[in-house]
Amino acid sequence: MSRKPATRLNVPSDRIGTLREGALHRDLKAFYASQDAQTEQLVGKYVVDVLHGDHVIEIQTANFGALRDKLDDLLTTHSVMVVYPIAVNKVLVKHTASGEQRRKSPRIGAALDVFDELVYTPTLLDRPNLDLELAYVSIEEHREYDPKRAWRRRHWVVRERRLEAVIEQERFSSMANLFDKFAERLPNEFTTAKIASCLNTTRNKAQKFAYCFRLSDVIHECGKDGNAVIYQRKN
């Protein structure tokens, strides 16, 4: 496949696509940019996070659905890796009048978190020349008090998430490849209740898991147990 060279923009790099960029996105972009890579480059009509020759790296902390059109365009000329960070260690930092208050978050991220995003584009990995990388990270989440906002968090508003370390990375080239990560923990036939039990997750996330793999043609319905659909991996 022929590759189209990227167009270099003649404006300062801190002005390109970074006005709404969060600290976590910026830090991950710096982590994935090797010495001979370029950041914030125009490829076709889109600005990409990291460009290394004919390979694009896109950091996506949320909203996978927004990637559809961009990927359709980029993949005609470049290979692409989408990086999704999962916080397996998080320190909450509250900024108060008396100074910073720090504590470790009890919430531990896991690979299954990616289905909260994949549910919006379950056939993401059906595209050729596309990989998904899960980056397990340690972060700091900085919060400030705002009496008019975030009542569910008792008015503590998240202002910034900062990368502390990238602990581990896992790369997947297809939805079948991603399913293999969980397959050994599942029986040959399973319902969403069984998925939740075997993978130690919520029923809601198990339903997203089943939906994504069914839409990507990795699993199929093979029966029913009462009102519950039974699934099985396709051969």
Protein backbone atom coordinates (compact mmCIF):
# COMPACT_ATOMS: atom_id res chain seq x y z
CA MET A 1 0.00 0.00 0.00
CA SER A 2 1.40 3.41 -0.91
CA ARG A 3 1.93 5.80 1.95
CA LYS A 4 1.23 9.52 1.73
CA PRO A 5 3.72 11.76 3.54
CA ALA A 6 2.49 13.94 6.36
CA THR A 7 2.29 17.69 5.93
CA ARG A 8 4.23 19.66 8.49
CA LEU A 9 2.35 22.62 9.89
CA ASN A 10 4.13 25.96 10.00
CA VAL A 11 2.81 26.99 13.40
CA PRO A 12 4.23 26.42 16.88
CA SER A 13 3.63 22.88 18.15
CA ASP A 14 2.02 24.12 21.37
CA ARG A 15 -0.77 25.66 19.29
CA ILE A 16 -1.70 22.57 17.25
CA GLY A 17 -4.57 20.51 18.62
CA THR A 18 -3.46 21.14 22.20
CA LEU A 19 -5.78 23.91 23.36
CA ARG A 20 -8.12 21.37 25.00
CA GLU A 21 -5.47 18.75 25.66
CA GLY A 22 -5.37 17.32 29.17
CA ALA A 23 -2.16 16.69 31.05
CA LEU A 24 -2.57 12.90 30.92
CA HIS A 25 -2.96 12.99 27.14
CA ARG A 26 0.05 15.29 26.81
CA ASP A 27 2.21 13.12 29.08
CA LEU A 28 1.30 9.92 27.23
CA LYS A 29 2.01 11.58 23.92
CA ALA A 30 5.49 12.46 25.15
CA PHE A 31 6.00 8.89 26.40
CA TYR A 32 5.08 7.36 23.02
CA ALA A 33 7.03 9.86 20.94
CA SER A 34 10.48 8.37 20.28
CA GLN A 35 13.43 10.56 19.38
CA ASP A 36 12.77 10.35 15.65
CA ALA A 37 8.97 10.74 15.94
CA GLN A 38 7.01 13.95 15.48
CA THR A 39 4.01 15.10 17.46
CA GLU A 40 0.97 17.10 16.36
CA GLN A 41 1.39 16.55 12.62
CA LEU A 42 -1.18 17.02 9.88
CA VAL A 43 -1.95 13.77 8.05
CA GLY A 44 -4.59 14.33 5.39
CA LYS A 45 -7.15 16.57 7.08
CA TYR A 46 -6.43 15.38 10.63
CA VAL A 47 -3.84 16.30 13.24
CA VAL A 48 -2.33 13.14 14.76
CA ASP A 49 -0.75 12.76 18.17
CA VAL A 50 2.45 10.95 17.17
CA LEU A 51 3.83 10.27 13.70
CA HIS A 52 6.70 7.88 13.13
CA GLY A 53 7.29 7.43 9.42
CA ASP A 54 4.08 5.89 8.07
CA HIS A 55 2.86 4.86 11.53
CA VAL A 56 0.42 6.95 13.60
CA ILE A 57 -0.14 6.69 17.36
CA GLU A 58 -3.37 8.14 18.70
CA ILE A 59 -3.85 8.59 22.46
CA GLN A 60 -7.52 8.19 23.30
CA THR A 61 -8.42 8.68 26.95
CA ALA A 62 -12.16 8.55 26.18
CA ASN A 63 -14.79 8.81 23.43
CA PHE A 64 -13.77 6.07 20.99
CA GLY A 65 -16.82 6.91 18.90
CA ALA A 66 -15.19 10.18 17.85
CA LEU A 67 -12.38 8.20 16.18
CA ARG A 68 -14.49 6.58 13.44
CA ASP A 69 -14.10 9.14 10.66
CA LYS A 70 -10.52 9.95 11.57
CA LEU A 71 -9.47 6.31 11.43
CA ASP A 72 -11.29 5.74 8.15
CA ASP A 73 -9.18 8.51 6.65
CA LEU A 74 -5.84 7.70 8.30
CA LEU A 75 -5.93 3.98 7.55
CA THR A 76 -5.99 4.56 3.80
CA THR A 77 -2.39 5.78 4.01
CA HIS A 78 -0.94 4.84 7.42
CA SER A 79 -0.91 2.10 10.04
CA VAL A 80 -2.43 3.26 13.33
CA MET A 81 -2.14 2.27 16.98
CA VAL A 82 -4.82 3.54 19.36
CA VAL A 83 -3.58 3.81 22.95
CA TYR A 84 -6.10 3.62 25.79
CA PRO A 85 -4.78 4.33 29.32
CA ILE A 86 -6.12 2.38 32.29
CA ALA A 87 -5.29 3.73 35.75
CA VAL A 88 -4.28 0.78 37.92
CA ASN A 89 -2.78 3.11 40.53
CA LYS A 90 -4.31 6.49 41.28
CA VAL A 91 -3.46 9.10 43.91
CA LEU A 92 -6.19 11.67 44.60
CA VAL A 93 -4.82 15.14 45.32
CA LYS A 94 -7.21 17.68 46.80
CA HIS A 95 -6.11 21.32 46.68
CA THR A 96 -7.41 23.10 49.76
CA ALA A 97 -6.80 26.44 51.43
CA SER A 98 -4.48 24.71 53.90
CA GLY A 99 -2.54 22.84 51.23
CA GLU A 100 -2.65 19.51 49.39
CA GLN A 101 -4.42 16.45 50.77
CA ARG A 102 -3.28 13.18 49.20
CA ARG A 103 -4.72 9.68 49.41
CA LYS A 104 -4.66 6.55 47.29
CA SER A 105 -7.85 5.85 45.37
CA PRO A 106 -9.55 2.53 46.16
CA ARG A 107 -10.57 2.28 42.50
CA ILE A 108 -8.26 -0.03 40.55
CA GLY A 109 -8.60 0.02 36.78
CA ALA A 110 -8.63 -3.19 34.73
CA ALA A 111 -8.54 -4.30 31.10
CA LEU A 112 -12.33 -4.68 31.11
CA ASP A 113 -12.61 -0.89 31.39
CA VAL A 114 -11.89 -0.64 27.67
CA PHE A 115 -15.38 -2.00 26.95
CA ASP A 116 -16.87 1.22 28.32
CA GLU A 117 -15.41 2.79 25.16
CA LEU A 118 -15.47 -0.12 22.70
CA VAL A 119 -19.24 -0.39 23.14
CA TYR A 120 -19.51 2.74 20.94
CA THR A 121 -17.42 1.20 18.16
CA PRO A 122 -17.37 -2.58 18.69
CA THR A 123 -15.90 -3.27 15.24
CA LEU A 124 -12.95 -0.92 15.81
CA LEU A 125 -10.36 -3.66 15.41
CA ASP A 126 -11.95 -5.05 12.24
CA ARG A 127 -9.96 -2.45 10.32
CA PRO A 128 -6.68 -3.66 8.78
CA ASN A 129 -3.44 -1.96 9.91
CA LEU A 130 -4.99 -0.98 13.25
CA ASP A 131 -3.83 -2.05 16.71
CA LEU A 132 -5.22 -1.26 20.15
CA GLU A 133 -2.79 -0.87 23.03
CA LEU A 134 -3.90 -0.87 26.65
CA ALA A 135 -1.48 1.18 28.72
CA TYR A 136 -1.71 0.39 32.43
CA VAL A 137 -0.66 3.57 34.18
CA SER A 138 -0.11 5.21 37.53
CA ILE A 139 -1.59 8.70 37.73
CA GLU A 140 -2.30 11.63 40.01
CA GLU A 141 -5.80 13.11 39.87
CA HIS A 142 -5.94 16.72 41.04
CA ARG A 143 -9.20 18.09 42.40
CA GLU A 144 -10.46 21.50 43.49
CA TYR A 145 -13.57 22.41 45.48
CA ASP A 146 -16.40 24.10 43.54
CA PRO A 147 -19.69 24.49 45.44
CA LYS A 148 -21.61 24.88 42.16
CA ARG A 149 -20.42 21.69 40.49
CA ALA A 150 -19.79 17.95 40.91
CA TRP A 151 -22.33 17.30 43.67
CA ARG A 152 -21.84 13.54 43.27
CA ARG A 153 -18.20 14.00 44.33
CA ARG A 154 -19.25 16.41 47.08
CA HIS A 155 -18.27 19.35 44.86
CA TRP A 156 -14.68 18.20 44.27
CA VAL A 157 -14.01 18.89 40.58
CA VAL A 158 -11.31 17.03 38.66
CA ARG A 159 -9.00 19.67 37.24
CA GLU A 160 -6.17 17.56 35.90
CA ARG A 161 -4.87 14.01 35.59
CA ARG A 162 -1.10 13.60 35.42
CA LEU A 163 0.89 10.58 34.34
CA GLU A 164 3.27 9.20 36.95
CA ALA A 165 4.39 6.01 35.18
CA VAL A 166 3.48 3.54 32.46
CA ILE A 167 3.54 0.19 34.26
CA GLU A 168 2.66 -2.27 31.49
CA GLN A 169 1.42 -2.32 27.90
CA GLU A 170 -0.68 -4.90 26.04
CA ARG A 171 -1.28 -4.71 22.29
CA PHE A 172 -4.14 -6.33 20.35
CA SER A 173 -4.54 -6.58 16.59
CA SER A 174 -8.11 -7.92 16.45
CA MET A 175 -11.17 -8.45 18.60
CA ALA A 176 -10.45 -12.19 18.53
CA ASN A 177 -6.98 -11.39 19.86
CA LEU A 178 -8.56 -9.31 22.63
CA PHE A 179 -11.02 -12.10 23.49
CA ASP A 180 -8.07 -14.48 23.96
CA LYS A 181 -7.04 -12.40 26.98
CA PHE A 182 -10.20 -13.46 28.81
CA ALA A 183 -10.97 -16.83 27.19
CA GLU A 184 -9.23 -19.06 29.73
CA ARG A 185 -11.39 -17.67 32.53
CA LEU A 186 -14.66 -18.38 30.70
CA PRO A 187 -16.41 -21.72 30.17
CA ASN A 188 -17.18 -22.95 26.66
CA GLU A 189 -20.71 -21.54 26.90
CA PHE A 190 -21.59 -18.49 28.97
CA THR A 191 -24.26 -15.90 29.75
CA THR A 192 -23.61 -12.32 30.77
CA ALA A 193 -24.16 -13.42 34.38
CA LYS A 194 -21.42 -16.02 33.94
CA ILE A 195 -19.13 -13.42 32.34
CA ALA A 196 -19.65 -11.13 35.34
CA SER A 197 -18.93 -13.98 37.77
CA CYS A 198 -15.89 -15.41 35.99
CA LEU A 199 -14.28 -12.06 35.22
CA ASN A 200 -15.21 -10.50 38.58
CA THR A 201 -16.97 -7.53 37.04
CA THR A 202 -20.41 -5.92 36.99
CA ARG A 203 -23.34 -7.22 34.98
CA ASN A 204 -23.36 -3.94 33.05
CA LYS A 205 -19.75 -4.37 31.95
CA ALA A 206 -20.40 -8.04 31.14
CA GLN A 207 -23.23 -6.97 28.84
CA LYS A 208 -20.90 -4.53 27.07
CA PHE A 209 -18.30 -7.29 26.77
CA ALA A 210 -20.81 -9.66 25.13
CA TYR A 211 -22.20 -6.92 22.88
CA CYS A 212 -18.76 -5.96 21.54
CA PHE A 213 -17.66 -9.50 20.80
CA ARG A 214 -21.00 -10.43 19.27
CA LEU A 215 -21.01 -7.39 16.96
CA SER A 216 -17.42 -8.09 15.95
CA ASP A 217 -18.42 -11.70 15.12
CA VAL A 218 -16.14 -13.32 17.71
CA ILE A 219 -18.97 -14.95 19.69
CA HIS A 220 -22.49 -15.98 18.72
CA GLU A 221 -25.74 -16.93 20.41
CA CYS A 222 -26.03 -20.70 20.82
CA GLY A 223 -29.11 -21.06 23.03
CA LYS A 224 -31.03 -19.70 26.01
CA ASP A 225 -31.22 -20.43 29.70
CA GLY A 226 -34.65 -19.12 30.59
CA ASN A 227 -34.52 -15.49 29.44
CA ALA A 228 -30.71 -15.40 29.43
CA VAL A 229 -28.89 -15.69 26.11
CA ILE A 230 -26.11 -18.26 26.01
CA TYR A 231 -23.02 -17.35 23.99
CA GLN A 232 -20.17 -19.38 22.56
CA ARG A 233 -17.01 -18.45 20.75
CA LYS A 234 -17.14 -18.94 16.99
CA ASN A 235 -14.72 -21.50 15.53
